[in-house]
Amino acid sequence: MKLLVLNPNTTVAMTDKAVAEVRRLAPAHWAVRGVTAASGCEVIASRASFVTGAWAALQTLRAQDDWADAVLLACFGDPGLAALREVGAVPIIGMAESALREAVALGRPYHLVTAGAAWDAMLRETVRLESAEALLDGITVLDSTGLAMSRDPQRALRLLQVVLDGLQRRGAPTCILAGTGFAGMAEALRYDGVLIEGLGAAVRAAAR
């Protein structure tokens, strides 16, 4: 398997972090490359930047050669996923789609944790597109952005643990870490419920 990790924002450090985590999670024989959008926005944290990211992802995919067997879109909101699938010659894997389908398959309530105020409404729309509303327990939005969480992982871990402790007290629903900025953090968190990290879900979807 040759997997291309496509970052629809312009932050190379975010691409590098996503690629490192995908390589850690993927089978050893997979080849993994990363590509960063050449233009667009530094972080996707609003509807306007979501549209920009979708356009940037489409242009970035069109500029690639035919190396990859599959493409992982490394933004939890899956910007431009349908358009990428329309033009792509290989399977395109969305983080949100993969994580939501895993959570729904468990048949239990699930909770999303994300960063950035605009993502509450945006992810609710993604949930509706996946017909996953019935089991949605709620969305917790951290007062930050995915980029900030990636740059300060210790602060991100503290904030995430507070949320998980609260969820634990009310039954430990399945929890989805909804953001590339949370890559690699799941193993450092304490939680008795099922914890799904978006990149991990996408890697498992790519394997299937």
N, C-alpha and C. Protein backbone atom coordinates (compact mmCIF):
# COMPACT_ATOMS: atom_id res chain seq x y z
N MET A 1 0.84 -1.20 0.00
CA MET A 1 0.00 0.00 0.00
C MET A 1 0.88 1.25 0.00
N LYS A 2 0.59 2.16 -0.90
CA LYS A 2 1.25 3.48 -0.94
C LYS A 2 0.18 4.51 -0.60
N LEU A 3 0.33 5.15 0.56
CA LEU A 3 -0.69 6.05 1.08
C LEU A 3 -0.17 7.48 1.08
N LEU A 4 -0.91 8.36 0.45
CA LEU A 4 -0.59 9.78 0.42
C LEU A 4 -1.42 10.51 1.47
N VAL A 5 -0.77 11.20 2.39
CA VAL A 5 -1.45 11.99 3.42
C VAL A 5 -1.52 13.43 2.92
N LEU A 6 -2.73 13.87 2.61
CA LEU A 6 -2.94 15.18 2.01
C LEU A 6 -3.43 16.17 3.07
N ASN A 7 -2.63 17.17 3.36
CA ASN A 7 -3.01 18.21 4.31
C ASN A 7 -3.60 19.39 3.55
N PRO A 8 -4.88 19.72 3.76
CA PRO A 8 -5.50 20.80 2.99
C PRO A 8 -5.21 22.21 3.52
N ASN A 9 -4.37 22.32 4.56
CA ASN A 9 -3.90 23.66 4.95
C ASN A 9 -2.42 23.78 4.62
N THR A 10 -1.86 24.96 4.86
CA THR A 10 -0.51 25.25 4.39
C THR A 10 0.57 25.03 5.45
N THR A 11 0.22 24.44 6.58
CA THR A 11 1.16 24.26 7.68
C THR A 11 1.92 22.95 7.53
N VAL A 12 3.17 23.06 7.12
CA VAL A 12 3.98 21.87 6.87
C VAL A 12 4.18 21.05 8.14
N ALA A 13 4.32 21.73 9.28
CA ALA A 13 4.50 21.01 10.54
C ALA A 13 3.32 20.10 10.85
N MET A 14 2.12 20.52 10.46
CA MET A 14 0.93 19.68 10.67
C MET A 14 0.98 18.45 9.76
N THR A 15 1.43 18.65 8.53
CA THR A 15 1.61 17.51 7.63
C THR A 15 2.60 16.51 8.21
N ASP A 16 3.73 17.03 8.68
CA ASP A 16 4.77 16.17 9.22
C ASP A 16 4.26 15.37 10.42
N LYS A 17 3.48 16.03 11.27
CA LYS A 17 2.94 15.34 12.44
C LYS A 17 1.97 14.25 12.02
N ALA A 18 1.11 14.55 11.05
CA ALA A 18 0.15 13.55 10.58
C ALA A 18 0.87 12.37 9.94
N VAL A 19 1.87 12.64 9.14
CA VAL A 19 2.61 11.56 8.47
C VAL A 19 3.31 10.68 9.49
N ALA A 20 3.92 11.30 10.50
CA ALA A 20 4.61 10.52 11.53
C ALA A 20 3.64 9.59 12.25
N GLU A 21 2.44 10.09 12.55
CA GLU A 21 1.46 9.26 13.25
C GLU A 21 0.92 8.15 12.34
N VAL A 22 0.67 8.47 11.08
CA VAL A 22 0.20 7.45 10.14
C VAL A 22 1.25 6.35 9.99
N ARG A 23 2.52 6.73 9.88
CA ARG A 23 3.58 5.73 9.78
C ARG A 23 3.65 4.86 11.03
N ARG A 24 3.41 5.45 12.19
CA ARG A 24 3.43 4.68 13.43
C ARG A 24 2.30 3.67 13.47
N LEU A 25 1.14 4.05 12.94
CA LEU A 25 -0.04 3.21 13.03
C LEU A 25 -0.15 2.19 11.89
N ALA A 26 0.41 2.52 10.75
CA ALA A 26 0.23 1.68 9.55
C ALA A 26 1.13 0.45 9.60
N PRO A 27 0.75 -0.60 8.87
CA PRO A 27 1.63 -1.76 8.75
C PRO A 27 3.00 -1.35 8.22
N ALA A 28 4.02 -2.08 8.62
CA ALA A 28 5.41 -1.72 8.31
C ALA A 28 5.68 -1.68 6.81
N HIS A 29 4.96 -2.48 6.04
CA HIS A 29 5.24 -2.55 4.60
C HIS A 29 4.58 -1.42 3.81
N TRP A 30 3.76 -0.58 4.46
CA TRP A 30 3.16 0.54 3.75
C TRP A 30 4.20 1.62 3.50
N ALA A 31 4.10 2.28 2.36
CA ALA A 31 4.88 3.50 2.08
C ALA A 31 3.95 4.69 2.28
N VAL A 32 4.40 5.66 3.06
CA VAL A 32 3.57 6.81 3.39
C VAL A 32 4.30 8.09 3.02
N ARG A 33 3.62 8.93 2.28
CA ARG A 33 4.14 10.25 1.93
C ARG A 33 3.15 11.31 2.39
N GLY A 34 3.65 12.53 2.57
CA GLY A 34 2.78 13.64 2.90
C GLY A 34 2.89 14.73 1.85
N VAL A 35 1.80 15.45 1.66
CA VAL A 35 1.81 16.62 0.78
C VAL A 35 0.99 17.72 1.45
N THR A 36 1.51 18.94 1.37
CA THR A 36 0.88 20.10 2.00
C THR A 36 0.32 21.02 0.92
N ALA A 37 -0.84 21.57 1.16
CA ALA A 37 -1.42 22.51 0.21
C ALA A 37 -0.45 23.67 -0.04
N ALA A 38 -0.26 24.01 -1.28
CA ALA A 38 0.68 25.07 -1.63
C ALA A 38 0.11 26.46 -1.38
N SER A 39 -1.20 26.54 -1.34
CA SER A 39 -1.85 27.83 -1.07
C SER A 39 -3.11 27.57 -0.28
N GLY A 40 -3.63 28.63 0.32
CA GLY A 40 -4.84 28.48 1.12
C GLY A 40 -4.68 29.12 2.48
N CYS A 41 -4.95 28.36 3.53
CA CYS A 41 -4.92 28.94 4.87
C CYS A 41 -4.06 28.09 5.80
N GLU A 42 -3.57 28.74 6.86
CA GLU A 42 -2.68 28.09 7.81
C GLU A 42 -3.41 27.04 8.64
N VAL A 43 -4.67 27.31 8.97
CA VAL A 43 -5.47 26.40 9.77
C VAL A 43 -6.92 26.51 9.30
N ILE A 44 -7.64 25.40 9.34
CA ILE A 44 -9.05 25.40 8.97
C ILE A 44 -9.87 25.51 10.25
N ALA A 45 -10.46 26.67 10.47
CA ALA A 45 -11.15 26.93 11.73
C ALA A 45 -12.40 27.78 11.54
N SER A 46 -12.91 27.84 10.32
CA SER A 46 -14.12 28.62 10.02
C SER A 46 -14.73 28.07 8.74
N ARG A 47 -15.94 28.52 8.44
CA ARG A 47 -16.56 28.07 7.20
C ARG A 47 -15.78 28.57 5.99
N ALA A 48 -15.30 29.80 6.05
CA ALA A 48 -14.54 30.35 4.92
C ALA A 48 -13.26 29.55 4.70
N SER A 49 -12.54 29.26 5.78
CA SER A 49 -11.30 28.49 5.62
C SER A 49 -11.59 27.04 5.24
N PHE A 50 -12.75 26.53 5.62
CA PHE A 50 -13.15 25.18 5.21
C PHE A 50 -13.29 25.12 3.69
N VAL A 51 -13.96 26.11 3.13
CA VAL A 51 -14.12 26.16 1.67
C VAL A 51 -12.77 26.32 0.99
N THR A 52 -11.92 27.19 1.56
CA THR A 52 -10.57 27.37 1.03
C THR A 52 -9.79 26.07 1.08
N GLY A 53 -9.92 25.35 2.19
CA GLY A 53 -9.22 24.08 2.33
C GLY A 53 -9.70 23.04 1.33
N ALA A 54 -11.00 23.03 1.08
CA ALA A 54 -11.54 22.08 0.10
C ALA A 54 -10.98 22.37 -1.29
N TRP A 55 -10.94 23.64 -1.65
CA TRP A 55 -10.36 24.03 -2.95
C TRP A 55 -8.88 23.67 -3.00
N ALA A 56 -8.16 23.96 -1.93
CA ALA A 56 -6.73 23.68 -1.90
C ALA A 56 -6.47 22.18 -2.00
N ALA A 57 -7.30 21.38 -1.31
CA ALA A 57 -7.14 19.92 -1.39
C ALA A 57 -7.34 19.43 -2.82
N LEU A 58 -8.34 19.98 -3.49
CA LEU A 58 -8.63 19.57 -4.87
C LEU A 58 -7.46 19.91 -5.79
N GLN A 59 -6.94 21.13 -5.66
CA GLN A 59 -5.81 21.55 -6.50
C GLN A 59 -4.56 20.72 -6.18
N THR A 60 -4.36 20.43 -4.92
CA THR A 60 -3.20 19.64 -4.52
C THR A 60 -3.28 18.23 -5.07
N LEU A 61 -4.46 17.63 -5.00
CA LEU A 61 -4.62 16.27 -5.53
C LEU A 61 -4.39 16.25 -7.04
N ARG A 62 -4.90 17.24 -7.73
CA ARG A 62 -4.75 17.29 -9.19
C ARG A 62 -3.28 17.41 -9.60
N ALA A 63 -2.46 17.98 -8.72
CA ALA A 63 -1.04 18.19 -9.04
C ALA A 63 -0.18 16.96 -8.77
N GLN A 64 -0.79 15.90 -8.18
CA GLN A 64 -0.01 14.72 -7.83
C GLN A 64 0.14 13.77 -9.01
N ASP A 65 1.21 12.96 -8.95
CA ASP A 65 1.37 11.90 -9.94
C ASP A 65 0.53 10.69 -9.51
N ASP A 66 0.72 9.58 -10.15
CA ASP A 66 -0.10 8.39 -9.86
C ASP A 66 0.58 7.44 -8.89
N TRP A 67 1.43 7.96 -7.99
CA TRP A 67 2.17 7.12 -7.05
C TRP A 67 1.26 6.39 -6.07
N ALA A 68 0.24 7.07 -5.54
CA ALA A 68 -0.51 6.56 -4.39
C ALA A 68 -1.55 5.52 -4.78
N ASP A 69 -1.75 4.56 -3.87
CA ASP A 69 -2.85 3.61 -3.97
C ASP A 69 -4.10 4.13 -3.28
N ALA A 70 -3.91 5.08 -2.35
CA ALA A 70 -5.03 5.70 -1.64
C ALA A 70 -4.54 7.04 -1.08
N VAL A 71 -5.50 7.90 -0.80
CA VAL A 71 -5.20 9.24 -0.26
C VAL A 71 -5.97 9.42 1.04
N LEU A 72 -5.27 9.84 2.07
CA LEU A 72 -5.90 10.16 3.36
C LEU A 72 -5.99 11.67 3.48
N LEU A 73 -7.20 12.20 3.57
CA LEU A 73 -7.42 13.64 3.72
C LEU A 73 -7.25 14.01 5.19
N ALA A 74 -6.17 14.70 5.51
CA ALA A 74 -5.78 14.92 6.90
C ALA A 74 -6.38 16.19 7.49
N CYS A 75 -7.70 16.23 7.52
CA CYS A 75 -8.44 17.28 8.24
C CYS A 75 -9.75 16.64 8.68
N PHE A 76 -10.06 16.72 9.97
CA PHE A 76 -11.18 15.94 10.47
C PHE A 76 -12.51 16.30 9.83
N GLY A 77 -12.71 17.51 9.39
CA GLY A 77 -13.98 17.87 8.78
C GLY A 77 -14.19 17.35 7.38
N ASP A 78 -13.16 16.71 6.80
CA ASP A 78 -13.23 16.15 5.44
C ASP A 78 -13.57 17.19 4.38
N PRO A 79 -12.87 18.35 4.35
CA PRO A 79 -13.22 19.38 3.37
C PRO A 79 -12.99 18.91 1.93
N GLY A 80 -14.03 19.01 1.13
CA GLY A 80 -13.93 18.66 -0.28
C GLY A 80 -13.90 17.18 -0.57
N LEU A 81 -14.30 16.34 0.38
CA LEU A 81 -14.16 14.89 0.21
C LEU A 81 -14.91 14.39 -1.03
N ALA A 82 -16.13 14.83 -1.21
CA ALA A 82 -16.90 14.35 -2.37
C ALA A 82 -16.26 14.77 -3.69
N ALA A 83 -15.77 16.01 -3.74
CA ALA A 83 -15.12 16.49 -4.97
C ALA A 83 -13.82 15.74 -5.22
N LEU A 84 -13.07 15.47 -4.17
CA LEU A 84 -11.83 14.70 -4.33
C LEU A 84 -12.13 13.32 -4.89
N ARG A 85 -13.19 12.71 -4.41
CA ARG A 85 -13.56 11.38 -4.92
C ARG A 85 -14.02 11.45 -6.37
N GLU A 86 -14.60 12.57 -6.74
CA GLU A 86 -15.06 12.71 -8.12
C GLU A 86 -13.89 12.74 -9.10
N VAL A 87 -12.79 13.38 -8.70
CA VAL A 87 -11.66 13.54 -9.62
C VAL A 87 -10.53 12.54 -9.36
N GLY A 88 -10.50 11.93 -8.18
CA GLY A 88 -9.40 11.04 -7.83
C GLY A 88 -9.50 9.69 -8.50
N ALA A 89 -8.34 9.12 -8.81
CA ALA A 89 -8.30 7.81 -9.46
C ALA A 89 -8.14 6.68 -8.45
N VAL A 90 -7.95 7.03 -7.17
CA VAL A 90 -7.76 6.03 -6.11
C VAL A 90 -8.71 6.36 -4.97
N PRO A 91 -8.91 5.44 -4.03
CA PRO A 91 -9.79 5.74 -2.89
C PRO A 91 -9.29 6.94 -2.08
N ILE A 92 -10.24 7.79 -1.67
CA ILE A 92 -9.95 8.95 -0.82
C ILE A 92 -10.57 8.68 0.55
N ILE A 93 -9.76 8.71 1.59
CA ILE A 93 -10.21 8.36 2.93
C ILE A 93 -10.39 9.63 3.76
N GLY A 94 -11.58 9.82 4.33
CA GLY A 94 -11.85 10.97 5.18
C GLY A 94 -11.74 10.60 6.65
N MET A 95 -11.13 11.46 7.44
CA MET A 95 -10.98 11.19 8.87
C MET A 95 -12.32 11.18 9.59
N ALA A 96 -13.15 12.19 9.35
CA ALA A 96 -14.44 12.27 10.04
C ALA A 96 -15.33 11.10 9.64
N GLU A 97 -15.42 10.84 8.36
CA GLU A 97 -16.24 9.73 7.87
C GLU A 97 -15.80 8.42 8.53
N SER A 98 -14.49 8.18 8.57
CA SER A 98 -13.97 6.93 9.13
C SER A 98 -14.28 6.82 10.62
N ALA A 99 -14.03 7.90 11.36
CA ALA A 99 -14.24 7.86 12.81
C ALA A 99 -15.71 7.73 13.16
N LEU A 100 -16.57 8.46 12.47
CA LEU A 100 -18.00 8.39 12.76
C LEU A 100 -18.55 7.00 12.45
N ARG A 101 -18.11 6.41 11.37
CA ARG A 101 -18.60 5.07 11.03
C ARG A 101 -18.14 4.04 12.06
N GLU A 102 -16.92 4.18 12.56
CA GLU A 102 -16.46 3.27 13.62
C GLU A 102 -17.32 3.44 14.87
N ALA A 103 -17.57 4.70 15.24
CA ALA A 103 -18.35 4.96 16.46
C ALA A 103 -19.76 4.42 16.33
N VAL A 104 -20.41 4.67 15.21
CA VAL A 104 -21.78 4.20 15.01
C VAL A 104 -21.84 2.67 15.02
N ALA A 105 -20.83 2.03 14.45
CA ALA A 105 -20.80 0.56 14.40
C ALA A 105 -20.77 -0.06 15.79
N LEU A 106 -20.27 0.69 16.77
CA LEU A 106 -20.24 0.18 18.14
C LEU A 106 -21.63 0.17 18.78
N GLY A 107 -22.53 0.98 18.23
CA GLY A 107 -23.91 0.98 18.72
C GLY A 107 -24.11 1.68 20.05
N ARG A 108 -23.17 2.48 20.48
CA ARG A 108 -23.28 3.20 21.75
C ARG A 108 -23.23 4.70 21.49
N PRO A 109 -23.70 5.52 22.45
CA PRO A 109 -23.55 6.96 22.29
C PRO A 109 -22.08 7.33 22.12
N TYR A 110 -21.85 8.35 21.32
CA TYR A 110 -20.48 8.82 21.12
C TYR A 110 -20.44 10.34 21.28
N HIS A 111 -19.27 10.83 21.63
CA HIS A 111 -19.05 12.25 21.90
C HIS A 111 -17.85 12.72 21.07
N LEU A 112 -17.95 13.91 20.51
CA LEU A 112 -16.85 14.48 19.74
C LEU A 112 -16.14 15.55 20.58
N VAL A 113 -14.82 15.55 20.54
CA VAL A 113 -14.03 16.62 21.15
C VAL A 113 -13.20 17.27 20.05
N THR A 114 -13.34 18.59 19.91
CA THR A 114 -12.65 19.31 18.85
C THR A 114 -12.11 20.62 19.40
N ALA A 115 -11.50 21.42 18.54
CA ALA A 115 -10.94 22.71 18.95
C ALA A 115 -11.33 23.76 17.92
N GLY A 116 -11.87 24.88 18.39
CA GLY A 116 -12.29 25.96 17.49
C GLY A 116 -13.79 26.09 17.45
N ALA A 117 -14.30 27.26 17.83
CA ALA A 117 -15.73 27.46 18.04
C ALA A 117 -16.58 27.11 16.82
N ALA A 118 -16.09 27.41 15.62
CA ALA A 118 -16.90 27.18 14.42
C ALA A 118 -17.14 25.70 14.15
N TRP A 119 -16.30 24.84 14.72
CA TRP A 119 -16.41 23.42 14.42
C TRP A 119 -17.64 22.77 15.03
N ASP A 120 -18.25 23.36 16.04
CA ASP A 120 -19.45 22.75 16.60
C ASP A 120 -20.52 22.58 15.52
N ALA A 121 -20.92 23.68 14.92
CA ALA A 121 -21.96 23.61 13.89
C ALA A 121 -21.48 22.84 12.67
N MET A 122 -20.23 23.01 12.29
CA MET A 122 -19.71 22.34 11.11
C MET A 122 -19.69 20.82 11.29
N LEU A 123 -19.30 20.36 12.47
CA LEU A 123 -19.28 18.92 12.69
C LEU A 123 -20.68 18.34 12.84
N ARG A 124 -21.61 19.12 13.36
CA ARG A 124 -22.99 18.64 13.41
C ARG A 124 -23.52 18.39 11.99
N GLU A 125 -23.12 19.24 11.06
CA GLU A 125 -23.51 19.02 9.67
C GLU A 125 -22.86 17.75 9.12
N THR A 126 -21.59 17.52 9.47
CA THR A 126 -20.92 16.30 9.04
C THR A 126 -21.61 15.07 9.62
N VAL A 127 -22.01 15.15 10.87
CA VAL A 127 -22.73 14.05 11.52
C VAL A 127 -24.03 13.75 10.77
N ARG A 128 -24.75 14.80 10.39
CA ARG A 128 -26.00 14.61 9.64
C ARG A 128 -25.73 13.97 8.29
N LEU A 129 -24.66 14.38 7.61
CA LEU A 129 -24.33 13.79 6.31
C LEU A 129 -24.04 12.30 6.44
N GLU A 130 -23.51 11.91 7.58
CA GLU A 130 -23.21 10.50 7.82
C GLU A 130 -24.39 9.75 8.43
N SER A 131 -25.53 10.43 8.59
CA SER A 131 -26.72 9.84 9.22
C SER A 131 -26.38 9.25 10.58
N ALA A 132 -25.56 9.99 11.34
CA ALA A 132 -25.07 9.51 12.63
C ALA A 132 -25.61 10.31 13.80
N GLU A 133 -26.73 11.04 13.59
CA GLU A 133 -27.25 11.91 14.65
C GLU A 133 -27.80 11.14 15.85
N ALA A 134 -28.38 9.97 15.60
CA ALA A 134 -29.13 9.27 16.65
C ALA A 134 -28.26 8.95 17.86
N LEU A 135 -26.99 8.64 17.64
CA LEU A 135 -26.13 8.24 18.74
C LEU A 135 -25.23 9.36 19.24
N LEU A 136 -25.34 10.54 18.66
CA LEU A 136 -24.47 11.66 19.08
C LEU A 136 -24.82 12.09 20.49
N ASP A 137 -23.86 11.96 21.39
CA ASP A 137 -24.02 12.35 22.79
C ASP A 137 -23.79 13.85 22.96
N GLY A 138 -22.96 14.44 22.13
CA GLY A 138 -22.67 15.87 22.23
C GLY A 138 -21.32 16.17 21.63
N ILE A 139 -20.99 17.46 21.61
CA ILE A 139 -19.71 17.94 21.10
C ILE A 139 -19.10 18.88 22.12
N THR A 140 -17.88 18.63 22.50
CA THR A 140 -17.14 19.56 23.35
C THR A 140 -16.13 20.29 22.49
N VAL A 141 -16.16 21.62 22.55
CA VAL A 141 -15.26 22.44 21.75
C VAL A 141 -14.25 23.12 22.67
N LEU A 142 -12.99 22.80 22.49
CA LEU A 142 -11.94 23.44 23.27
C LEU A 142 -11.69 24.84 22.74
N ASP A 143 -11.37 25.76 23.64
CA ASP A 143 -11.13 27.15 23.27
C ASP A 143 -9.72 27.28 22.71
N SER A 144 -9.57 26.83 21.47
CA SER A 144 -8.25 26.83 20.84
C SER A 144 -8.46 26.51 19.37
N THR A 145 -7.40 26.11 18.69
CA THR A 145 -7.49 25.59 17.32
C THR A 145 -6.66 24.32 17.24
N GLY A 146 -6.88 23.56 16.20
CA GLY A 146 -6.10 22.35 16.02
C GLY A 146 -4.62 22.64 15.90
N LEU A 147 -4.28 23.74 15.23
CA LEU A 147 -2.88 24.11 15.08
C LEU A 147 -2.26 24.44 16.43
N ALA A 148 -2.98 25.18 17.25
CA ALA A 148 -2.46 25.51 18.58
C ALA A 148 -2.30 24.26 19.44
N MET A 149 -3.24 23.33 19.33
CA MET A 149 -3.14 22.09 20.08
C MET A 149 -1.89 21.30 19.64
N SER A 150 -1.63 21.30 18.34
CA SER A 150 -0.47 20.59 17.83
C SER A 150 0.83 21.22 18.31
N ARG A 151 0.84 22.54 18.40
CA ARG A 151 2.05 23.25 18.81
C ARG A 151 2.30 23.16 20.32
N ASP A 152 1.25 22.93 21.09
CA ASP A 152 1.38 22.84 22.54
C ASP A 152 0.69 21.57 23.03
N PRO A 153 1.26 20.40 22.73
CA PRO A 153 0.58 19.14 23.05
C PRO A 153 0.35 18.93 24.54
N GLN A 154 1.20 19.45 25.40
CA GLN A 154 0.99 19.27 26.83
C GLN A 154 -0.28 19.98 27.29
N ARG A 155 -0.50 21.18 26.80
CA ARG A 155 -1.75 21.88 27.12
C ARG A 155 -2.94 21.12 26.55
N ALA A 156 -2.80 20.64 25.33
CA ALA A 156 -3.89 19.88 24.71
C ALA A 156 -4.23 18.66 25.54
N LEU A 157 -3.22 17.93 26.02
CA LEU A 157 -3.46 16.75 26.82
C LEU A 157 -4.18 17.10 28.12
N ARG A 158 -3.80 18.22 28.74
CA ARG A 158 -4.49 18.63 29.99
C ARG A 158 -5.95 18.93 29.72
N LEU A 159 -6.22 19.67 28.65
CA LEU A 159 -7.61 20.02 28.32
C LEU A 159 -8.42 18.76 27.97
N LEU A 160 -7.82 17.88 27.19
CA LEU A 160 -8.52 16.65 26.80
C LEU A 160 -8.81 15.78 28.02
N GLN A 161 -7.87 15.68 28.93
CA GLN A 161 -8.08 14.82 30.09
C GLN A 161 -9.22 15.34 30.96
N VAL A 162 -9.35 16.66 31.08
CA VAL A 162 -10.47 17.24 31.84
C VAL A 162 -11.79 16.83 31.20
N VAL A 163 -11.86 16.91 29.87
CA VAL A 163 -13.09 16.51 29.17
C VAL A 163 -13.38 15.03 29.39
N LEU A 164 -12.37 14.20 29.25
CA LEU A 164 -12.56 12.75 29.41
C LEU A 164 -12.97 12.40 30.84
N ASP A 165 -12.42 13.10 31.81
CA ASP A 165 -12.82 12.85 33.19
C ASP A 165 -14.30 13.14 33.38
N GLY A 166 -14.79 14.20 32.75
CA GLY A 166 -16.21 14.52 32.83
C GLY A 166 -17.07 13.49 32.14
N LEU A 167 -16.64 13.03 30.97
CA LEU A 167 -17.39 12.00 30.26
C LEU A 167 -17.39 10.69 31.03
N GLN A 168 -16.28 10.41 31.68
CA GLN A 168 -16.17 9.18 32.48
C GLN A 168 -17.24 9.15 33.57
N ARG A 169 -17.47 10.31 34.18
CA ARG A 169 -18.42 10.38 35.30
C ARG A 169 -19.86 10.17 34.83
N ARG A 170 -20.11 10.31 33.57
CA ARG A 170 -21.49 10.11 33.10
C ARG A 170 -21.62 8.97 32.10
N GLY A 171 -20.82 7.94 32.32
CA GLY A 171 -21.04 6.71 31.59
C GLY A 171 -20.02 6.36 30.54
N ALA A 172 -19.04 7.21 30.31
CA ALA A 172 -17.96 6.93 29.36
C ALA A 172 -18.46 6.57 27.97
N PRO A 173 -19.16 7.49 27.29
CA PRO A 173 -19.54 7.21 25.90
C PRO A 173 -18.28 7.09 25.05
N THR A 174 -18.42 6.47 23.90
CA THR A 174 -17.33 6.47 22.93
C THR A 174 -16.92 7.91 22.67
N CYS A 175 -15.63 8.18 22.65
CA CYS A 175 -15.16 9.55 22.45
C CYS A 175 -14.27 9.62 21.22
N ILE A 176 -14.57 10.56 20.34
CA ILE A 176 -13.79 10.78 19.12
C ILE A 176 -12.95 12.03 19.30
N LEU A 177 -11.63 11.91 19.14
CA LEU A 177 -10.75 13.07 19.12
C LEU A 177 -10.77 13.61 17.70
N ALA A 178 -11.49 14.72 17.53
CA ALA A 178 -11.85 15.20 16.20
C ALA A 178 -10.91 16.31 15.74
N GLY A 179 -9.72 15.91 15.31
CA GLY A 179 -8.79 16.91 14.79
C GLY A 179 -7.41 16.33 14.55
N THR A 180 -6.79 16.73 13.46
CA THR A 180 -5.42 16.29 13.18
C THR A 180 -4.46 16.78 14.25
N GLY A 181 -4.77 17.91 14.88
CA GLY A 181 -3.92 18.43 15.93
C GLY A 181 -3.80 17.52 17.13
N PHE A 182 -4.71 16.55 17.27
CA PHE A 182 -4.68 15.61 18.39
C PHE A 182 -3.90 14.34 18.04
N ALA A 183 -3.27 14.30 16.89
CA ALA A 183 -2.58 13.09 16.44
C ALA A 183 -1.57 12.63 17.48
N GLY A 184 -1.62 11.34 17.79
CA GLY A 184 -0.66 10.74 18.69
C GLY A 184 -0.94 10.93 20.17
N MET A 185 -2.04 11.59 20.52
CA MET A 185 -2.31 11.90 21.93
C MET A 185 -3.13 10.83 22.65
N ALA A 186 -3.83 9.99 21.92
CA ALA A 186 -4.77 9.07 22.54
C ALA A 186 -4.10 8.17 23.58
N GLU A 187 -2.90 7.70 23.29
CA GLU A 187 -2.24 6.76 24.18
C GLU A 187 -1.82 7.39 25.50
N ALA A 188 -1.74 8.72 25.54
CA ALA A 188 -1.33 9.41 26.77
C ALA A 188 -2.52 9.80 27.65
N LEU A 189 -3.73 9.45 27.20
CA LEU A 189 -4.94 9.83 27.93
C LEU A 189 -5.51 8.64 28.69
N ARG A 190 -6.20 8.94 29.80
CA ARG A 190 -6.84 7.91 30.62
C ARG A 190 -8.34 7.95 30.38
N TYR A 191 -8.88 6.79 29.97
CA TYR A 191 -10.32 6.74 29.70
C TYR A 191 -10.77 5.29 29.67
N ASP A 192 -11.85 4.99 30.36
CA ASP A 192 -12.36 3.62 30.38
C ASP A 192 -13.22 3.29 29.18
N GLY A 193 -13.72 4.32 28.50
CA GLY A 193 -14.52 4.10 27.31
C GLY A 193 -13.65 3.93 26.08
N VAL A 194 -14.29 3.75 24.94
CA VAL A 194 -13.57 3.63 23.67
C VAL A 194 -13.15 5.02 23.21
N LEU A 195 -11.88 5.15 22.86
CA LEU A 195 -11.32 6.42 22.39
C LEU A 195 -10.90 6.24 20.94
N ILE A 196 -11.50 7.02 20.05
CA ILE A 196 -11.20 6.94 18.62
C ILE A 196 -10.50 8.21 18.19
N GLU A 197 -9.31 8.07 17.63
CA GLU A 197 -8.58 9.23 17.11
C GLU A 197 -8.73 9.22 15.59
N GLY A 198 -8.98 10.38 15.01
CA GLY A 198 -9.36 10.46 13.61
C GLY A 198 -8.37 9.85 12.64
N LEU A 199 -7.08 10.11 12.81
CA LEU A 199 -6.09 9.54 11.90
C LEU A 199 -6.06 8.02 12.01
N GLY A 200 -6.16 7.53 13.24
CA GLY A 200 -6.17 6.08 13.42
C GLY A 200 -7.35 5.43 12.72
N ALA A 201 -8.52 6.05 12.83
CA ALA A 201 -9.70 5.53 12.14
C ALA A 201 -9.51 5.53 10.63
N ALA A 202 -8.87 6.59 10.12
CA ALA A 202 -8.65 6.68 8.67
C ALA A 202 -7.65 5.63 8.20
N VAL A 203 -6.62 5.37 8.99
CA VAL A 203 -5.65 4.32 8.63
C VAL A 203 -6.35 2.95 8.60
N ARG A 204 -7.20 2.71 9.58
CA ARG A 204 -7.93 1.42 9.57
C ARG A 204 -8.87 1.32 8.38
N ALA A 205 -9.48 2.44 8.00
CA ALA A 205 -10.34 2.44 6.82
C ALA A 205 -9.53 2.18 5.55
N ALA A 206 -8.35 2.76 5.48
CA ALA A 206 -7.48 2.55 4.32
C ALA A 206 -7.08 1.08 4.23
N ALA A 207 -6.82 0.46 5.36
CA ALA A 207 -6.44 -0.95 5.36
C ALA A 207 -7.58 -1.83 4.86
N ARG A 208 -8.81 -1.44 5.23
CA ARG A 208 -9.97 -2.23 4.78
C ARG A 208 -10.19 -2.08 3.28
